[in-house]
Amino acid sequence: MQHARDRIREITARRRLPLHPQVIVEDLNLFLRGWMAYFRYGHSARRFSKIGRFAQERVAHFISRKHRRSRNFGWWVLMVSSPNRLGLISPYGIVVAPRAGRPWRERPNAAGERRR
């Protein structure tokens, strides 16, 4: 999870302030889609909500720095002014619950042989 936060910080870094917020959100969505697709199996809903909230905070902070306004302005632009939160994806509803009492795969290895 620390890697995801570091990557989000890197995407919303100060050196990227000249870019339009839509470009930042597109890059962030690209990373979040891949990260959530990898970790969607299991009990990861709480982690997804933390990462989703962190991404929203960083985008709001990015917007406020870009316009040299308060952080409340960034939240207002993200949540109120934009009908779809500038296109930022939501991590809710992506988690796939593990199957109770059944292994993840029918065979332990791809070819079915035992471990060496």
N, C-alpha and C. Protein backbone atom coordinates (compact mmCIF):
# COMPACT_ATOMS: atom_id res chain seq x y z
N MET A 1 0.81 -1.18 0.00
CA MET A 1 0.00 0.00 0.00
C MET A 1 0.87 1.26 0.00
N GLN A 2 2.02 1.16 0.58
CA GLN A 2 2.94 2.30 0.59
C GLN A 2 3.40 2.64 -0.82
N HIS A 3 3.60 1.62 -1.64
CA HIS A 3 4.00 1.85 -3.03
C HIS A 3 2.90 2.61 -3.77
N ALA A 4 1.65 2.26 -3.52
CA ALA A 4 0.55 2.95 -4.19
C ALA A 4 0.50 4.42 -3.77
N ARG A 5 0.67 4.69 -2.49
CA ARG A 5 0.67 6.08 -2.03
C ARG A 5 1.84 6.86 -2.62
N ASP A 6 3.01 6.23 -2.68
CA ASP A 6 4.16 6.89 -3.27
C ASP A 6 3.93 7.20 -4.75
N ARG A 7 3.32 6.26 -5.45
CA ARG A 7 3.06 6.47 -6.88
C ARG A 7 2.03 7.58 -7.09
N ILE A 8 1.01 7.65 -6.23
CA ILE A 8 0.02 8.72 -6.32
C ILE A 8 0.67 10.07 -6.04
N ARG A 9 1.58 10.11 -5.06
CA ARG A 9 2.31 11.35 -4.79
C ARG A 9 3.15 11.76 -5.98
N GLU A 10 3.75 10.78 -6.64
CA GLU A 10 4.58 11.07 -7.81
C GLU A 10 3.74 11.61 -8.97
N ILE A 11 2.55 11.06 -9.16
CA ILE A 11 1.68 11.51 -10.24
C ILE A 11 1.17 12.93 -9.98
N THR A 12 0.90 13.27 -8.71
CA THR A 12 0.37 14.59 -8.37
C THR A 12 1.45 15.51 -7.82
N ALA A 13 2.67 15.32 -8.23
CA ALA A 13 3.79 16.10 -7.70
C ALA A 13 3.73 17.56 -8.15
N ARG A 14 4.45 18.37 -7.44
CA ARG A 14 4.49 19.81 -7.72
C ARG A 14 5.08 20.11 -9.09
N ARG A 15 6.02 19.31 -9.54
CA ARG A 15 6.66 19.57 -10.84
C ARG A 15 5.68 19.37 -12.00
N ARG A 16 4.52 18.75 -11.74
CA ARG A 16 3.52 18.54 -12.79
C ARG A 16 2.42 19.60 -12.76
N LEU A 17 2.61 20.67 -11.99
CA LEU A 17 1.61 21.73 -11.90
C LEU A 17 1.27 22.39 -13.24
N PRO A 18 2.21 22.52 -14.18
CA PRO A 18 1.82 23.14 -15.46
C PRO A 18 0.80 22.32 -16.25
N LEU A 19 0.66 21.03 -15.94
CA LEU A 19 -0.29 20.19 -16.67
C LEU A 19 -1.72 20.47 -16.23
N HIS A 20 -2.65 20.20 -17.10
CA HIS A 20 -4.07 20.36 -16.81
C HIS A 20 -4.51 19.26 -15.83
N PRO A 21 -5.43 19.54 -14.92
CA PRO A 21 -5.87 18.51 -13.97
C PRO A 21 -6.46 17.27 -14.64
N GLN A 22 -7.04 17.42 -15.82
CA GLN A 22 -7.57 16.24 -16.52
C GLN A 22 -6.47 15.26 -16.88
N VAL A 23 -5.30 15.76 -17.25
CA VAL A 23 -4.17 14.89 -17.57
C VAL A 23 -3.71 14.15 -16.32
N ILE A 24 -3.69 14.84 -15.20
CA ILE A 24 -3.30 14.22 -13.93
C ILE A 24 -4.28 13.12 -13.56
N VAL A 25 -5.58 13.40 -13.71
CA VAL A 25 -6.60 12.40 -13.37
C VAL A 25 -6.51 11.21 -14.31
N GLU A 26 -6.23 11.42 -15.58
CA GLU A 26 -6.08 10.30 -16.51
C GLU A 26 -4.90 9.41 -16.11
N ASP A 27 -3.76 10.01 -15.76
CA ASP A 27 -2.61 9.24 -15.32
C ASP A 27 -2.92 8.49 -14.03
N LEU A 28 -3.62 9.15 -13.13
CA LEU A 28 -3.98 8.53 -11.86
C LEU A 28 -4.95 7.37 -12.08
N ASN A 29 -5.91 7.54 -12.98
CA ASN A 29 -6.85 6.46 -13.29
C ASN A 29 -6.13 5.26 -13.89
N LEU A 30 -5.17 5.51 -14.74
CA LEU A 30 -4.41 4.42 -15.35
C LEU A 30 -3.71 3.59 -14.28
N PHE A 31 -3.07 4.28 -13.34
CA PHE A 31 -2.39 3.56 -12.27
C PHE A 31 -3.39 2.84 -11.36
N LEU A 32 -4.46 3.52 -10.98
CA LEU A 32 -5.42 2.92 -10.04
C LEU A 32 -6.13 1.71 -10.64
N ARG A 33 -6.44 1.76 -11.92
CA ARG A 33 -7.09 0.60 -12.56
C ARG A 33 -6.19 -0.63 -12.48
N GLY A 34 -4.93 -0.46 -12.80
CA GLY A 34 -4.01 -1.59 -12.74
C GLY A 34 -3.80 -2.09 -11.33
N TRP A 35 -3.65 -1.18 -10.40
CA TRP A 35 -3.42 -1.56 -9.00
C TRP A 35 -4.63 -2.28 -8.43
N MET A 36 -5.83 -1.77 -8.72
CA MET A 36 -7.04 -2.39 -8.19
C MET A 36 -7.36 -3.71 -8.88
N ALA A 37 -7.01 -3.85 -10.13
CA ALA A 37 -7.23 -5.12 -10.81
C ALA A 37 -6.35 -6.21 -10.21
N TYR A 38 -5.16 -5.84 -9.81
CA TYR A 38 -4.25 -6.82 -9.22
C TYR A 38 -4.70 -7.24 -7.82
N PHE A 39 -5.17 -6.29 -7.02
CA PHE A 39 -5.50 -6.56 -5.62
C PHE A 39 -7.00 -6.75 -5.36
N ARG A 40 -7.81 -6.96 -6.38
CA ARG A 40 -9.25 -7.01 -6.15
C ARG A 40 -9.72 -8.30 -5.51
N TYR A 41 -8.95 -9.36 -5.55
CA TYR A 41 -9.36 -10.62 -4.93
C TYR A 41 -9.03 -10.62 -3.46
N GLY A 42 -9.94 -11.09 -2.65
CA GLY A 42 -9.67 -11.18 -1.23
C GLY A 42 -10.41 -10.12 -0.44
N HIS A 43 -9.89 -9.82 0.71
CA HIS A 43 -10.52 -8.86 1.62
C HIS A 43 -9.77 -7.53 1.52
N SER A 44 -10.01 -6.80 0.46
CA SER A 44 -9.24 -5.58 0.23
C SER A 44 -10.11 -4.33 0.14
N ALA A 45 -11.37 -4.39 0.54
CA ALA A 45 -12.27 -3.24 0.42
C ALA A 45 -11.80 -2.08 1.29
N ARG A 46 -11.31 -2.38 2.48
CA ARG A 46 -10.85 -1.31 3.38
C ARG A 46 -9.62 -0.61 2.78
N ARG A 47 -8.72 -1.39 2.21
CA ARG A 47 -7.52 -0.80 1.57
C ARG A 47 -7.91 0.05 0.38
N PHE A 48 -8.87 -0.43 -0.41
CA PHE A 48 -9.32 0.34 -1.57
C PHE A 48 -9.93 1.67 -1.15
N SER A 49 -10.71 1.67 -0.08
CA SER A 49 -11.31 2.92 0.35
C SER A 49 -10.24 3.90 0.83
N LYS A 50 -9.19 3.38 1.49
CA LYS A 50 -8.11 4.26 1.93
C LYS A 50 -7.36 4.85 0.75
N ILE A 51 -7.06 4.03 -0.24
CA ILE A 51 -6.35 4.52 -1.42
C ILE A 51 -7.22 5.48 -2.22
N GLY A 52 -8.51 5.19 -2.33
CA GLY A 52 -9.42 6.08 -3.04
C GLY A 52 -9.51 7.44 -2.38
N ARG A 53 -9.61 7.45 -1.06
CA ARG A 53 -9.67 8.71 -0.31
C ARG A 53 -8.35 9.48 -0.46
N PHE A 54 -7.23 8.75 -0.40
CA PHE A 54 -5.92 9.40 -0.54
C PHE A 54 -5.77 10.03 -1.93
N ALA A 55 -6.26 9.34 -2.96
CA ALA A 55 -6.19 9.87 -4.32
C ALA A 55 -7.04 11.14 -4.44
N GLN A 56 -8.22 11.13 -3.83
CA GLN A 56 -9.07 12.32 -3.86
C GLN A 56 -8.39 13.49 -3.16
N GLU A 57 -7.77 13.23 -2.01
CA GLU A 57 -7.08 14.29 -1.28
C GLU A 57 -5.94 14.88 -2.11
N ARG A 58 -5.18 14.01 -2.76
CA ARG A 58 -4.05 14.49 -3.56
C ARG A 58 -4.51 15.31 -4.77
N VAL A 59 -5.60 14.88 -5.42
CA VAL A 59 -6.11 15.63 -6.56
C VAL A 59 -6.64 16.99 -6.10
N ALA A 60 -7.36 17.02 -4.98
CA ALA A 60 -7.86 18.29 -4.45
C ALA A 60 -6.70 19.21 -4.08
N HIS A 61 -5.66 18.65 -3.48
CA HIS A 61 -4.49 19.45 -3.11
C HIS A 61 -3.78 19.96 -4.37
N PHE A 62 -3.70 19.12 -5.40
CA PHE A 62 -3.08 19.52 -6.66
C PHE A 62 -3.84 20.70 -7.28
N ILE A 63 -5.16 20.62 -7.29
CA ILE A 63 -5.98 21.70 -7.86
C ILE A 63 -5.80 22.99 -7.08
N SER A 64 -5.77 22.87 -5.75
CA SER A 64 -5.61 24.08 -4.93
C SER A 64 -4.23 24.72 -5.14
N ARG A 65 -3.19 23.91 -5.31
CA ARG A 65 -1.86 24.47 -5.57
C ARG A 65 -1.79 25.09 -6.96
N LYS A 66 -2.44 24.45 -7.92
CA LYS A 66 -2.40 24.97 -9.29
C LYS A 66 -3.05 26.34 -9.38
N HIS A 67 -4.13 26.54 -8.67
CA HIS A 67 -4.84 27.82 -8.72
C HIS A 67 -4.45 28.76 -7.59
N ARG A 68 -3.49 28.34 -6.77
CA ARG A 68 -3.00 29.15 -5.65
C ARG A 68 -4.15 29.59 -4.74
N ARG A 69 -4.98 28.62 -4.39
CA ARG A 69 -6.12 28.88 -3.53
C ARG A 69 -6.05 27.93 -2.34
N SER A 70 -7.04 27.99 -1.46
CA SER A 70 -7.05 27.13 -0.28
C SER A 70 -7.38 25.68 -0.68
N ARG A 71 -7.14 24.78 0.22
CA ARG A 71 -7.43 23.38 -0.05
C ARG A 71 -8.95 23.17 -0.18
N ASN A 72 -9.73 24.00 0.50
CA ASN A 72 -11.18 23.90 0.37
C ASN A 72 -11.62 24.17 -1.07
N PHE A 73 -10.91 25.05 -1.76
CA PHE A 73 -11.22 25.31 -3.16
C PHE A 73 -10.99 24.04 -3.99
N GLY A 74 -9.92 23.32 -3.71
CA GLY A 74 -9.65 22.07 -4.42
C GLY A 74 -10.75 21.04 -4.19
N TRP A 75 -11.21 20.94 -2.94
CA TRP A 75 -12.31 20.01 -2.65
C TRP A 75 -13.58 20.46 -3.34
N TRP A 76 -13.83 21.77 -3.38
CA TRP A 76 -15.04 22.27 -4.03
C TRP A 76 -15.02 21.94 -5.52
N VAL A 77 -13.88 22.15 -6.16
CA VAL A 77 -13.78 21.84 -7.59
C VAL A 77 -13.97 20.35 -7.82
N LEU A 78 -13.39 19.53 -6.99
CA LEU A 78 -13.45 18.08 -7.17
C LEU A 78 -14.83 17.53 -6.90
N MET A 79 -15.48 17.97 -5.84
CA MET A 79 -16.73 17.35 -5.42
C MET A 79 -17.99 18.08 -5.89
N VAL A 80 -17.96 19.41 -5.94
CA VAL A 80 -19.18 20.16 -6.22
C VAL A 80 -19.22 20.66 -7.66
N SER A 81 -18.16 21.27 -8.10
CA SER A 81 -18.15 21.89 -9.41
C SER A 81 -18.17 20.86 -10.54
N SER A 82 -17.50 19.77 -10.35
CA SER A 82 -17.43 18.73 -11.38
C SER A 82 -18.47 17.65 -11.10
N PRO A 83 -19.34 17.33 -12.06
CA PRO A 83 -20.38 16.34 -11.79
C PRO A 83 -19.85 14.92 -11.60
N ASN A 84 -18.71 14.60 -12.17
CA ASN A 84 -18.18 13.24 -12.06
C ASN A 84 -16.80 13.21 -11.41
N ARG A 85 -16.50 14.15 -10.53
CA ARG A 85 -15.22 14.24 -9.82
C ARG A 85 -14.04 14.27 -10.78
N LEU A 86 -14.17 15.03 -11.85
CA LEU A 86 -13.14 15.19 -12.89
C LEU A 86 -12.78 13.89 -13.59
N GLY A 87 -13.62 12.87 -13.45
CA GLY A 87 -13.37 11.59 -14.08
C GLY A 87 -12.56 10.62 -13.25
N LEU A 88 -12.28 10.96 -12.00
CA LEU A 88 -11.51 10.08 -11.12
C LEU A 88 -12.34 8.83 -10.81
N ILE A 89 -11.76 7.66 -11.02
CA ILE A 89 -12.52 6.43 -10.82
C ILE A 89 -12.72 6.16 -9.34
N SER A 90 -13.76 5.42 -9.05
CA SER A 90 -14.08 5.07 -7.68
C SER A 90 -13.68 3.62 -7.42
N PRO A 91 -13.03 3.33 -6.32
CA PRO A 91 -12.60 1.96 -6.05
C PRO A 91 -13.68 1.09 -5.43
N TYR A 92 -14.87 1.61 -5.23
CA TYR A 92 -15.92 0.88 -4.53
C TYR A 92 -16.63 -0.09 -5.46
N GLY A 93 -16.89 -1.29 -4.97
CA GLY A 93 -17.59 -2.30 -5.75
C GLY A 93 -16.71 -3.12 -6.65
N ILE A 94 -15.41 -3.05 -6.49
CA ILE A 94 -14.48 -3.77 -7.36
C ILE A 94 -14.01 -5.08 -6.73
N VAL A 95 -14.09 -5.20 -5.43
CA VAL A 95 -13.54 -6.35 -4.72
C VAL A 95 -14.33 -7.60 -5.05
N VAL A 96 -13.62 -8.69 -5.34
CA VAL A 96 -14.21 -9.99 -5.58
C VAL A 96 -13.94 -10.84 -4.34
N ALA A 97 -15.00 -11.33 -3.72
CA ALA A 97 -14.85 -12.10 -2.49
C ALA A 97 -14.22 -13.45 -2.81
N PRO A 98 -13.36 -13.95 -1.92
CA PRO A 98 -12.78 -15.28 -2.13
C PRO A 98 -13.85 -16.36 -1.99
N ARG A 99 -13.64 -17.45 -2.68
CA ARG A 99 -14.60 -18.55 -2.63
C ARG A 99 -14.38 -19.36 -1.36
N ALA A 100 -15.40 -19.54 -0.59
CA ALA A 100 -15.27 -20.23 0.69
C ALA A 100 -15.07 -21.72 0.47
N GLY A 101 -14.04 -22.26 1.11
CA GLY A 101 -13.79 -23.70 1.10
C GLY A 101 -13.24 -24.25 -0.20
N ARG A 102 -12.95 -23.41 -1.16
CA ARG A 102 -12.40 -23.90 -2.43
C ARG A 102 -11.08 -23.21 -2.71
N PRO A 103 -10.15 -23.92 -3.30
CA PRO A 103 -8.87 -23.27 -3.63
C PRO A 103 -9.06 -22.28 -4.78
N TRP A 104 -8.08 -21.40 -4.95
CA TRP A 104 -8.15 -20.41 -6.01
C TRP A 104 -8.07 -21.06 -7.38
N ARG A 105 -7.28 -22.13 -7.46
CA ARG A 105 -7.16 -22.86 -8.72
C ARG A 105 -7.50 -24.32 -8.47
N GLU A 106 -7.96 -24.98 -9.51
CA GLU A 106 -8.27 -26.41 -9.39
C GLU A 106 -6.99 -27.22 -9.18
N ARG A 107 -5.96 -26.89 -9.95
CA ARG A 107 -4.68 -27.57 -9.81
C ARG A 107 -3.69 -26.59 -9.19
N PRO A 108 -2.78 -27.09 -8.35
CA PRO A 108 -1.86 -26.17 -7.68
C PRO A 108 -0.91 -25.45 -8.62
N ASN A 109 -0.45 -26.10 -9.66
CA ASN A 109 0.44 -25.47 -10.63
C ASN A 109 -0.22 -25.48 -12.00
N ALA A 110 0.35 -24.76 -12.91
CA ALA A 110 -0.26 -24.63 -14.23
C ALA A 110 -0.35 -25.97 -14.94
N ALA A 111 0.68 -26.78 -14.85
CA ALA A 111 0.66 -28.07 -15.54
C ALA A 111 0.18 -29.19 -14.62
N GLY A 112 -0.07 -28.90 -13.36
CA GLY A 112 -0.60 -29.90 -12.45
C GLY A 112 0.46 -30.70 -11.72
N GLU A 113 1.74 -30.46 -11.96
CA GLU A 113 2.75 -31.25 -11.27
C GLU A 113 2.95 -30.74 -9.85
N ARG A 114 3.58 -31.55 -9.06
CA ARG A 114 3.82 -31.18 -7.67
C ARG A 114 4.99 -30.22 -7.56
N ARG A 115 5.06 -29.61 -6.38
CA ARG A 115 6.22 -28.75 -6.12
C ARG A 115 7.48 -29.56 -5.97
N ARG A 116 8.57 -28.96 -6.33
CA ARG A 116 9.84 -29.67 -6.21
C ARG A 116 10.55 -29.27 -4.96
